[in-house]
Amino acid sequence: MRIGIIGAGVMGSSIVKRLLEKGVARADEVFVSDIDFGKLEKLWKETGARTFRDNSLVAKEAEVLIICVKPQQMAEALASLKHSITPNHLVISIAAGVRIGAIERGLKEGTRVIRAMPNQACLIGLSATAFSLGRNATEEDRSKAEMIFSSFGRAFLVKEEMLDAVTGLSGSGPAYAYAVIDAMAEGGVEAGLPRETAIALAAQTLLGAATMVLETNRSPDELAKLVATPGGTTEAGMRVLEEGGFRNLLVRAVVRATERSKEISSLFIEM
């Protein structure tokens, strides 16, 4: 698969590395553009991918284009690609808040578009990536997208109207998890643990709990009840969380982040 990456920032560079590591494409099949020569040179040295300063040159080489620029840079990126797009191209955008309709309007009529929302764990191959198909995207496009997204985590096909909720949950979710790890570690320190040990224990505990949910097919509530022996330590700790409104705070955080995603999306309806 010949894949072009528009934008060699943190996400774009991480995607290149995962595509190569997982064998989705060879180095001579990956083409990257960016205005920052330093980023391109670094990525070329690390991966061997072909690099360009001109987005249109990447479009001429690739069949799949993944746009990895900031939302405010999308209009310029689309304009630079528009005249190089052919019916053979599939365009994938990971720009937060920029809807499929706006992307389609910025390119040639009939362009096949997919919009995706990965998260920070893309950097280590553990992203939760939700994606939606544009009106011209095909089943073959869906299969290509799933192959690409699976190279850096798990892929979930959703309706586009759900992507704001995805942003509020899994897009912003790593920050919520870091806050939980930090708070748990702080409790460990207050209880007498060295900070480094407390952080490692908290992080490994969340990793283990997440893996239990994914691999046992049991609900989080069911698994929590298996840990919380009546009258035991876990029950005592859980009671404190309930009294402090822990669950409700996380629900509110996801809902508010979703609302903010909708607000941001409204700014990019027309570009």
C-alpha atoms as a PDB file:
ATOM      1  CA  MET A   1       0.000   0.000   0.000  1.00  0.00           C
ATOM      2  CA  ARG A   2       1.429   3.389  -1.006  1.00  0.00           C
ATOM      3  CA  ILE A   3       0.672   5.781   1.852  1.00  0.00           C
ATOM      4  CA  GLY A   4       1.213   9.523   2.098  1.00  0.00           C
ATOM      5  CA  ILE A   5       1.373  11.372   5.401  1.00  0.00           C
ATOM      6  CA  ILE A   6       0.631  15.098   5.384  1.00  0.00           C
ATOM      7  CA  GLY A   7       2.280  16.487   8.507  1.00  0.00           C
ATOM      8  CA  ALA A   8       5.331  15.044  10.256  1.00  0.00           C
ATOM      9  CA  GLY A   9       4.425  16.082  13.788  1.00  0.00           C
ATOM     10  CA  VAL A  10       4.117  13.721  16.744  1.00  0.00           C
ATOM     11  CA  MET A  11       1.056  11.867  15.419  1.00  0.00           C
ATOM     12  CA  GLY A  12       2.179  11.771  11.807  1.00  0.00           C
ATOM     13  CA  SER A  13       5.645  10.504  12.672  1.00  0.00           C
ATOM     14  CA  SER A  14       4.229   7.900  15.054  1.00  0.00           C
ATOM     15  CA  ILE A  15       1.872   6.604  12.362  1.00  0.00           C
ATOM     16  CA  VAL A  16       4.768   6.269   9.909  1.00  0.00           C
ATOM     17  CA  LYS A  17       6.773   4.210  12.393  1.00  0.00           C
ATOM     18  CA  ARG A  18       3.854   1.904  13.224  1.00  0.00           C
ATOM     19  CA  LEU A  19       2.969   1.352   9.569  1.00  0.00           C
ATOM     20  CA  LEU A  20       6.534   0.218   8.918  1.00  0.00           C
ATOM     21  CA  GLU A  21       6.840  -1.870  12.085  1.00  0.00           C
ATOM     22  CA  LYS A  22       3.612  -3.750  11.320  1.00  0.00           C
ATOM     23  CA  GLY A  23       4.480  -4.282   7.670  1.00  0.00           C
ATOM     24  CA  VAL A  24       1.490  -2.342   6.328  1.00  0.00           C
ATOM     25  CA  ALA A  25       3.893  -0.594   3.953  1.00  0.00           C
ATOM     26  CA  ARG A  26       7.596  -0.630   3.131  1.00  0.00           C
ATOM     27  CA  ALA A  27       9.771   2.453   3.618  1.00  0.00           C
ATOM     28  CA  ASP A  28       9.799   3.079  -0.139  1.00  0.00           C
ATOM     29  CA  GLU A  29       5.973   3.066  -0.093  1.00  0.00           C
ATOM     30  CA  VAL A  30       5.628   5.781   2.562  1.00  0.00           C
ATOM     31  CA  PHE A  31       5.779   9.453   1.553  1.00  0.00           C
ATOM     32  CA  VAL A  32       5.751  12.294   4.075  1.00  0.00           C
ATOM     33  CA  SER A  33       5.430  16.048   3.686  1.00  0.00           C
ATOM     34  CA  ASP A  34       5.920  18.893   6.136  1.00  0.00           C
ATOM     35  CA  ILE A  35       7.042  22.506   6.059  1.00  0.00           C
ATOM     36  CA  ASP A  36       9.625  21.752   8.774  1.00  0.00           C
ATOM     37  CA  PHE A  37      12.782  20.394   7.136  1.00  0.00           C
ATOM     38  CA  GLY A  38      14.195  19.365  10.509  1.00  0.00           C
ATOM     39  CA  LYS A  39      11.236  17.057  11.200  1.00  0.00           C
ATOM     40  CA  LEU A  40      11.505  15.516   7.746  1.00  0.00           C
ATOM     41  CA  GLU A  41      15.228  14.916   8.036  1.00  0.00           C
ATOM     42  CA  LYS A  42      14.807  13.291  11.449  1.00  0.00           C
ATOM     43  CA  LEU A  43      12.007  11.037  10.218  1.00  0.00           C
ATOM     44  CA  TRP A  44      13.963  10.036   7.102  1.00  0.00           C
ATOM     45  CA  LYS A  45      16.982   9.072   9.201  1.00  0.00           C
ATOM     46  CA  GLU A  46      14.792   7.069  11.604  1.00  0.00           C
ATOM     47  CA  THR A  47      12.599   5.278   9.068  1.00  0.00           C
ATOM     48  CA  GLY A  48      13.874   5.670   5.519  1.00  0.00           C
ATOM     49  CA  ALA A  49      10.499   7.041   4.424  1.00  0.00           C
ATOM     50  CA  ARG A  50      10.616   9.420   1.451  1.00  0.00           C
ATOM     51  CA  THR A  51      10.130  13.044   2.452  1.00  0.00           C
ATOM     52  CA  PHE A  52       8.924  16.172   0.629  1.00  0.00           C
ATOM     53  CA  ARG A  53       8.250  19.829   1.374  1.00  0.00           C
ATOM     54  CA  ASP A  54       5.335  19.851  -1.106  1.00  0.00           C
ATOM     55  CA  ASN A  55       2.024  18.122  -0.286  1.00  0.00           C
ATOM     56  CA  SER A  56       1.114  17.736  -3.949  1.00  0.00           C
ATOM     57  CA  LEU A  57       4.242  15.642  -4.572  1.00  0.00           C
ATOM     58  CA  VAL A  58       3.130  13.237  -1.855  1.00  0.00           C
ATOM     59  CA  ALA A  59      -0.309  13.010  -3.501  1.00  0.00           C
ATOM     60  CA  LYS A  60       1.293  12.081  -6.801  1.00  0.00           C
ATOM     61  CA  GLU A  61       3.146   9.176  -5.171  1.00  0.00           C
ATOM     62  CA  ALA A  62       0.532   7.776  -2.763  1.00  0.00           C
ATOM     63  CA  GLU A  63      -2.868   6.099  -3.111  1.00  0.00           C
ATOM     64  CA  VAL A  64      -3.891   6.717   0.523  1.00  0.00           C
ATOM     65  CA  LEU A  65      -3.349  10.166   2.036  1.00  0.00           C
ATOM     66  CA  ILE A  66      -3.474  10.602   5.822  1.00  0.00           C
ATOM     67  CA  ILE A  67      -3.810  14.246   6.817  1.00  0.00           C
ATOM     68  CA  CYS A  68      -2.173  14.774  10.208  1.00  0.00           C
ATOM     69  CA  VAL A  69      -2.312  18.550  10.614  1.00  0.00           C
ATOM     70  CA  LYS A  70      -3.983  20.773  13.189  1.00  0.00           C
ATOM     71  CA  PRO A  71      -7.603  21.768  12.495  1.00  0.00           C
ATOM     72  CA  GLN A  72      -6.665  25.376  11.781  1.00  0.00           C
ATOM     73  CA  GLN A  73      -4.222  24.145   9.102  1.00  0.00           C
ATOM     74  CA  MET A  74      -6.758  21.961   7.274  1.00  0.00           C
ATOM     75  CA  ALA A  75      -8.014  24.543   4.775  1.00  0.00           C
ATOM     76  CA  GLU A  76      -4.486  25.201   3.558  1.00  0.00           C
ATOM     77  CA  ALA A  77      -3.670  21.473   3.442  1.00  0.00           C
ATOM     78  CA  LEU A  78      -6.798  20.662   1.424  1.00  0.00           C
ATOM     79  CA  ALA A  79      -6.122  23.507  -1.001  1.00  0.00           C
ATOM     80  CA  SER A  80      -2.598  22.220  -1.591  1.00  0.00           C
ATOM     81  CA  LEU A  81      -3.930  18.731  -2.378  1.00  0.00           C
ATOM     82  CA  LYS A  82      -7.108  19.496  -4.310  1.00  0.00           C
ATOM     83  CA  HIS A  83      -5.661  19.594  -7.817  1.00  0.00           C
ATOM     84  CA  SER A  84      -3.527  16.475  -7.259  1.00  0.00           C
ATOM     85  CA  ILE A  85      -6.390  14.285  -6.054  1.00  0.00           C
ATOM     86  CA  THR A  86      -7.588  11.619  -8.491  1.00  0.00           C
ATOM     87  CA  PRO A  87     -10.386   9.016  -8.318  1.00  0.00           C
ATOM     88  CA  ASN A  88      -7.715   6.556  -7.141  1.00  0.00           C
ATOM     89  CA  HIS A  89      -7.088   8.432  -3.890  1.00  0.00           C
ATOM     90  CA  LEU A  90      -8.483   7.686  -0.446  1.00  0.00           C
ATOM     91  CA  VAL A  91      -8.144  10.644   1.933  1.00  0.00           C
ATOM     92  CA  ILE A  92      -8.074  10.007   5.690  1.00  0.00           C
ATOM     93  CA  SER A  93      -8.157  12.918   8.143  1.00  0.00           C
ATOM     94  CA  ILE A  94      -7.263  12.800  11.835  1.00  0.00           C
ATOM     95  CA  ALA A  95      -7.794  16.543  12.325  1.00  0.00           C
ATOM     96  CA  ALA A  96      -9.998  16.923  15.395  1.00  0.00           C
ATOM     97  CA  GLY A  97     -13.311  18.649  14.799  1.00  0.00           C
ATOM     98  CA  VAL A  98     -13.121  18.916  11.007  1.00  0.00           C
ATOM     99  CA  ARG A  99     -16.168  17.122   9.650  1.00  0.00           C
ATOM    100  CA  ILE A 100     -16.316  14.921   6.588  1.00  0.00           C
ATOM    101  CA  GLY A 101     -18.543  17.368   4.716  1.00  0.00           C
ATOM    102  CA  ALA A 102     -16.007  20.179   5.128  1.00  0.00           C
ATOM    103  CA  ILE A 103     -13.202  17.913   3.911  1.00  0.00           C
ATOM    104  CA  GLU A 104     -15.228  16.764   0.898  1.00  0.00           C
ATOM    105  CA  ARG A 105     -16.041  20.361  -0.029  1.00  0.00           C
ATOM    106  CA  GLY A 106     -12.353  21.242   0.154  1.00  0.00           C
ATOM    107  CA  LEU A 107     -11.413  18.542  -2.361  1.00  0.00           C
ATOM    108  CA  LYS A 108     -12.675  17.424  -5.768  1.00  0.00           C
ATOM    109  CA  GLU A 109     -16.247  16.202  -6.111  1.00  0.00           C
ATOM    110  CA  GLY A 110     -16.451  12.470  -5.484  1.00  0.00           C
ATOM    111  CA  THR A 111     -13.282  12.228  -3.364  1.00  0.00           C
ATOM    112  CA  ARG A 112     -13.367   9.238  -1.008  1.00  0.00           C
ATOM    113  CA  VAL A 113     -12.942  10.510   2.553  1.00  0.00           C
ATOM    114  CA  ILE A 114     -12.616   8.872   5.976  1.00  0.00           C
ATOM    115  CA  ARG A 115     -12.449  10.824   9.217  1.00  0.00           C
ATOM    116  CA  ALA A 116     -10.719   9.289  12.234  1.00  0.00           C
ATOM    117  CA  MET A 117     -10.075  10.093  15.891  1.00  0.00           C
ATOM    118  CA  PRO A 118      -7.034   8.289  17.326  1.00  0.00           C
ATOM    119  CA  ASN A 119      -5.576   9.090  20.725  1.00  0.00           C
ATOM    120  CA  GLN A 120      -2.177   9.701  22.285  1.00  0.00           C
ATOM    121  CA  ALA A 121      -1.471   5.992  22.783  1.00  0.00           C
ATOM    122  CA  CYS A 122      -0.899   5.850  19.033  1.00  0.00           C
ATOM    123  CA  LEU A 123       2.694   6.632  20.010  1.00  0.00           C
ATOM    124  CA  ILE A 124       3.080   3.163  21.565  1.00  0.00           C
ATOM    125  CA  GLY A 125       0.718   1.227  19.309  1.00  0.00           C
ATOM    126  CA  LEU A 126      -2.201   1.155  21.748  1.00  0.00           C
ATOM    127  CA  SER A 127      -4.540   3.807  20.357  1.00  0.00           C
ATOM    128  CA  ALA A 128      -8.308   3.547  20.488  1.00  0.00           C
ATOM    129  CA  THR A 129      -9.174   4.896  17.037  1.00  0.00           C
ATOM    130  CA  ALA A 130     -12.755   5.496  15.957  1.00  0.00           C
ATOM    131  CA  PHE A 131     -13.450   6.294  12.317  1.00  0.00           C
ATOM    132  CA  SER A 132     -16.340   7.204  10.028  1.00  0.00           C
ATOM    133  CA  LEU A 133     -16.838   6.772   6.303  1.00  0.00           C
ATOM    134  CA  GLY A 134     -17.642   9.611   3.939  1.00  0.00           C
ATOM    135  CA  ARG A 135     -20.447   9.310   1.396  1.00  0.00           C
ATOM    136  CA  ASN A 136     -18.072   8.147  -1.365  1.00  0.00           C
ATOM    137  CA  ALA A 137     -15.949   5.747   0.698  1.00  0.00           C
ATOM    138  CA  THR A 138     -16.184   2.068  -0.226  1.00  0.00           C
ATOM    139  CA  GLU A 139     -15.926  -1.213   1.671  1.00  0.00           C
ATOM    140  CA  GLU A 140     -12.421  -1.583   0.275  1.00  0.00           C
ATOM    141  CA  ASP A 141     -11.610   1.837   1.758  1.00  0.00           C
ATOM    142  CA  ARG A 142     -12.983   0.675   5.081  1.00  0.00           C
ATOM    143  CA  SER A 143     -10.734  -2.391   4.983  1.00  0.00           C
ATOM    144  CA  LYS A 144      -7.687  -0.263   4.162  1.00  0.00           C
ATOM    145  CA  ALA A 145      -8.478   2.134   6.994  1.00  0.00           C
ATOM    146  CA  GLU A 146      -8.908  -0.706   9.483  1.00  0.00           C
ATOM    147  CA  MET A 147      -5.554  -2.153   8.426  1.00  0.00           C
ATOM    148  CA  ILE A 148      -3.882   1.222   8.905  1.00  0.00           C
ATOM    149  CA  PHE A 149      -5.539   1.993  12.255  1.00  0.00           C
ATOM    150  CA  SER A 150      -4.910  -1.514  13.565  1.00  0.00           C
ATOM    151  CA  SER A 151      -1.196  -0.965  13.068  1.00  0.00           C
ATOM    152  CA  PHE A 152      -1.251   1.449  16.011  1.00  0.00           C
ATOM    153  CA  GLY A 153      -4.045   0.060  18.203  1.00  0.00           C
ATOM    154  CA  ARG A 154      -7.689  -0.970  17.923  1.00  0.00           C
ATOM    155  CA  ALA A 155     -10.118   0.403  15.331  1.00  0.00           C
ATOM    156  CA  PHE A 156     -13.841   1.090  15.797  1.00  0.00           C
ATOM    157  CA  LEU A 157     -16.210   2.032  12.984  1.00  0.00           C
ATOM    158  CA  VAL A 158     -18.837   4.559  14.165  1.00  0.00           C
ATOM    159  CA  LYS A 159     -21.297   7.021  12.669  1.00  0.00           C
ATOM    160  CA  GLU A 160     -19.773  10.467  12.271  1.00  0.00           C
ATOM    161  CA  GLU A 161     -22.220  12.043  14.701  1.00  0.00           C
ATOM    162  CA  MET A 162     -20.642   9.862  17.395  1.00  0.00           C
ATOM    163  CA  LEU A 163     -17.121  11.241  16.888  1.00  0.00           C
ATOM    164  CA  ASP A 164     -17.651  14.136  19.291  1.00  0.00           C
ATOM    165  CA  ALA A 165     -18.466  11.609  22.031  1.00  0.00           C
ATOM    166  CA  VAL A 166     -15.439   9.578  20.968  1.00  0.00           C
ATOM    167  CA  THR A 167     -13.324  12.712  21.337  1.00  0.00           C
ATOM    168  CA  GLY A 168     -14.705  13.336  24.826  1.00  0.00           C
ATOM    169  CA  LEU A 169     -14.159   9.720  25.892  1.00  0.00           C
ATOM    170  CA  SER A 170     -11.138   8.135  24.229  1.00  0.00           C
ATOM    171  CA  GLY A 171      -9.604  11.234  22.647  1.00  0.00           C
ATOM    172  CA  SER A 172      -9.386  13.091  25.965  1.00  0.00           C
ATOM    173  CA  GLY A 173      -9.443   9.903  28.039  1.00  0.00           C
ATOM    174  CA  PRO A 174      -5.669   9.422  28.429  1.00  0.00           C
ATOM    175  CA  ALA A 175      -5.549  12.669  30.427  1.00  0.00           C
ATOM    176  CA  TYR A 176      -8.275  11.391  32.767  1.00  0.00           C
ATOM    177  CA  ALA A 177      -6.324   8.165  33.252  1.00  0.00           C
ATOM    178  CA  TYR A 178      -3.118  10.088  34.004  1.00  0.00           C
ATOM    179  CA  ALA A 179      -5.005  12.117  36.611  1.00  0.00           C
ATOM    180  CA  VAL A 180      -6.229   8.892  38.246  1.00  0.00           C
ATOM    181  CA  ILE A 181      -2.725   7.408  38.219  1.00  0.00           C
ATOM    182  CA  ASP A 182      -1.298  10.596  39.710  1.00  0.00           C
ATOM    183  CA  ALA A 183      -3.935  10.720  42.463  1.00  0.00           C
ATOM    184  CA  MET A 184      -3.531   7.020  43.304  1.00  0.00           C
ATOM    185  CA  ALA A 185       0.235   7.456  43.457  1.00  0.00           C
ATOM    186  CA  GLU A 186      -0.133  10.481  45.727  1.00  0.00           C
ATOM    187  CA  GLY A 187      -2.247   8.354  48.045  1.00  0.00           C
ATOM    188  CA  GLY A 188       0.477   5.724  48.000  1.00  0.00           C
ATOM    189  CA  VAL A 189       3.064   8.340  48.939  1.00  0.00           C
ATOM    190  CA  GLU A 190       0.917   9.554  51.833  1.00  0.00           C
ATOM    191  CA  ALA A 191       0.598   5.932  52.928  1.00  0.00           C
ATOM    192  CA  GLY A 192       4.391   5.554  52.993  1.00  0.00           C
ATOM    193  CA  LEU A 193       5.516   4.423  49.518  1.00  0.00           C
ATOM    194  CA  PRO A 194       8.368   6.029  47.549  1.00  0.00           C
ATOM    195  CA  ARG A 195       6.903   8.192  44.761  1.00  0.00           C
ATOM    196  CA  GLU A 196       8.575   6.286  41.926  1.00  0.00           C
ATOM    197  CA  THR A 197       7.259   2.986  43.245  1.00  0.00           C
ATOM    198  CA  ALA A 198       3.799   4.428  43.838  1.00  0.00           C
ATOM    199  CA  ILE A 199       3.529   5.739  40.248  1.00  0.00           C
ATOM    200  CA  ALA A 200       4.691   2.411  38.810  1.00  0.00           C
ATOM    201  CA  LEU A 201       2.229   0.458  40.953  1.00  0.00           C
ATOM    202  CA  ALA A 202      -0.665   2.770  40.041  1.00  0.00           C
ATOM    203  CA  ALA A 203       0.124   2.664  36.314  1.00  0.00           C
ATOM    204  CA  GLN A 204       0.533  -1.115  36.268  1.00  0.00           C
ATOM    205  CA  THR A 205      -2.713  -1.493  38.200  1.00  0.00           C
ATOM    206  CA  LEU A 206      -4.671   0.534  35.619  1.00  0.00           C
ATOM    207  CA  LEU A 207      -3.007  -1.395  32.804  1.00  0.00           C
ATOM    208  CA  GLY A 208      -3.994  -4.676  34.432  1.00  0.00           C
ATOM    209  CA  ALA A 209      -7.552  -3.540  35.103  1.00  0.00           C
ATOM    210  CA  ALA A 210      -7.986  -2.322  31.511  1.00  0.00           C
ATOM    211  CA  THR A 211      -6.659  -5.620  30.189  1.00  0.00           C
ATOM    212  CA  MET A 212      -9.063  -7.541  32.437  1.00  0.00           C
ATOM    213  CA  VAL A 213     -12.008  -5.645  30.942  1.00  0.00           C
ATOM    214  CA  LEU A 214     -10.833  -6.253  27.368  1.00  0.00           C
ATOM    215  CA  GLU A 215      -9.893  -9.902  27.742  1.00  0.00           C
ATOM    216  CA  THR A 216     -12.448 -11.373  30.175  1.00  0.00           C
ATOM    217  CA  ASN A 217     -15.608  -9.931  28.537  1.00  0.00           C
ATOM    218  CA  ARG A 218     -16.859  -9.042  31.999  1.00  0.00           C
ATOM    219  CA  SER A 219     -18.259  -5.611  32.809  1.00  0.00           C
ATOM    220  CA  PRO A 220     -16.173  -3.166  34.863  1.00  0.00           C
ATOM    221  CA  ASP A 221     -18.854  -3.234  37.570  1.00  0.00           C
ATOM    222  CA  GLU A 222     -18.752  -7.033  37.786  1.00  0.00           C
ATOM    223  CA  LEU A 223     -14.971  -7.084  38.001  1.00  0.00           C
ATOM    224  CA  ALA A 224     -14.985  -4.386  40.697  1.00  0.00           C
ATOM    225  CA  LYS A 225     -17.374  -6.449  42.800  1.00  0.00           C
ATOM    226  CA  LEU A 226     -15.010  -9.423  42.553  1.00  0.00           C
ATOM    227  CA  VAL A 227     -12.255  -7.302  44.120  1.00  0.00           C
ATOM    228  CA  ALA A 228     -14.376  -5.631  46.802  1.00  0.00           C
ATOM    229  CA  THR A 229     -14.797  -8.193  49.565  1.00  0.00           C
ATOM    230  CA  PRO A 230     -17.530  -7.137  52.029  1.00  0.00           C
ATOM    231  CA  GLY A 231     -15.910  -5.368  54.964  1.00  0.00           C
ATOM    232  CA  GLY A 232     -12.517  -5.370  53.248  1.00  0.00           C
ATOM    233  CA  THR A 233     -10.007  -2.736  52.202  1.00  0.00           C
ATOM    234  CA  THR A 234     -11.340  -2.227  48.648  1.00  0.00           C
ATOM    235  CA  GLU A 235     -14.885  -1.676  49.880  1.00  0.00           C
ATOM    236  CA  ALA A 236     -13.593   0.941  52.317  1.00  0.00           C
ATOM    237  CA  GLY A 237     -11.729   2.746  49.547  1.00  0.00           C
ATOM    238  CA  MET A 238     -14.647   2.545  47.109  1.00  0.00           C
ATOM    239  CA  ARG A 239     -16.936   4.091  49.709  1.00  0.00           C
ATOM    240  CA  VAL A 240     -14.655   7.140  49.859  1.00  0.00           C
ATOM    241  CA  LEU A 241     -14.808   7.456  46.052  1.00  0.00           C
ATOM    242  CA  GLU A 242     -18.598   7.272  46.116  1.00  0.00           C
ATOM    243  CA  GLU A 243     -18.838   9.883  48.853  1.00  0.00           C
ATOM    244  CA  GLY A 244     -16.579  12.207  46.835  1.00  0.00           C
ATOM    245  CA  GLY A 245     -18.614  11.846  43.663  1.00  0.00           C
ATOM    246  CA  PHE A 246     -15.760  10.222  41.728  1.00  0.00           C
ATOM    247  CA  ARG A 247     -17.953   8.414  39.207  1.00  0.00           C
ATOM    248  CA  ASN A 248     -20.131  11.448  38.543  1.00  0.00           C
ATOM    249  CA  LEU A 249     -17.080  13.657  38.023  1.00  0.00           C
ATOM    250  CA  LEU A 250     -15.738  11.352  35.313  1.00  0.00           C
ATOM    251  CA  VAL A 251     -19.141  11.220  33.620  1.00  0.00           C
ATOM    252  CA  ARG A 252     -19.322  15.012  33.659  1.00  0.00           C
ATOM    253  CA  ALA A 253     -15.783  15.289  32.289  1.00  0.00           C
ATOM    254  CA  VAL A 254     -16.635  13.117  29.273  1.00  0.00           C
ATOM    255  CA  VAL A 255     -19.892  14.976  28.629  1.00  0.00           C
ATOM    256  CA  ARG A 256     -18.244  18.407  28.883  1.00  0.00           C
ATOM    257  CA  ALA A 257     -15.379  17.375  26.605  1.00  0.00           C
ATOM    258  CA  THR A 258     -17.953  16.102  24.111  1.00  0.00           C
ATOM    259  CA  GLU A 259     -19.793  19.432  24.226  1.00  0.00           C
ATOM    260  CA  ARG A 260     -16.511  21.268  23.665  1.00  0.00           C
ATOM    261  CA  SER A 261     -15.753  19.031  20.689  1.00  0.00           C
ATOM    262  CA  LYS A 262     -19.102  20.016  19.157  1.00  0.00           C
ATOM    263  CA  GLU A 263     -18.324  23.691  19.769  1.00  0.00           C
ATOM    264  CA  ILE A 264     -14.957  23.356  18.056  1.00  0.00           C
ATOM    265  CA  SER A 265     -16.460  21.380  15.154  1.00  0.00           C
ATOM    266  CA  SER A 266     -18.916  24.191  14.477  1.00  0.00           C
ATOM    267  CA  LEU A 267     -15.972  26.488  13.737  1.00  0.00           C
ATOM    268  CA  PHE A 268     -14.822  24.301  10.846  1.00  0.00           C
ATOM    269  CA  ILE A 269     -18.142  23.610   9.087  1.00  0.00           C
ATOM    270  CA  GLU A 270     -17.014  25.976   6.338  1.00  0.00           C
ATOM    271  CA  MET A 271     -13.321  26.371   5.575  1.00  0.00           C
END
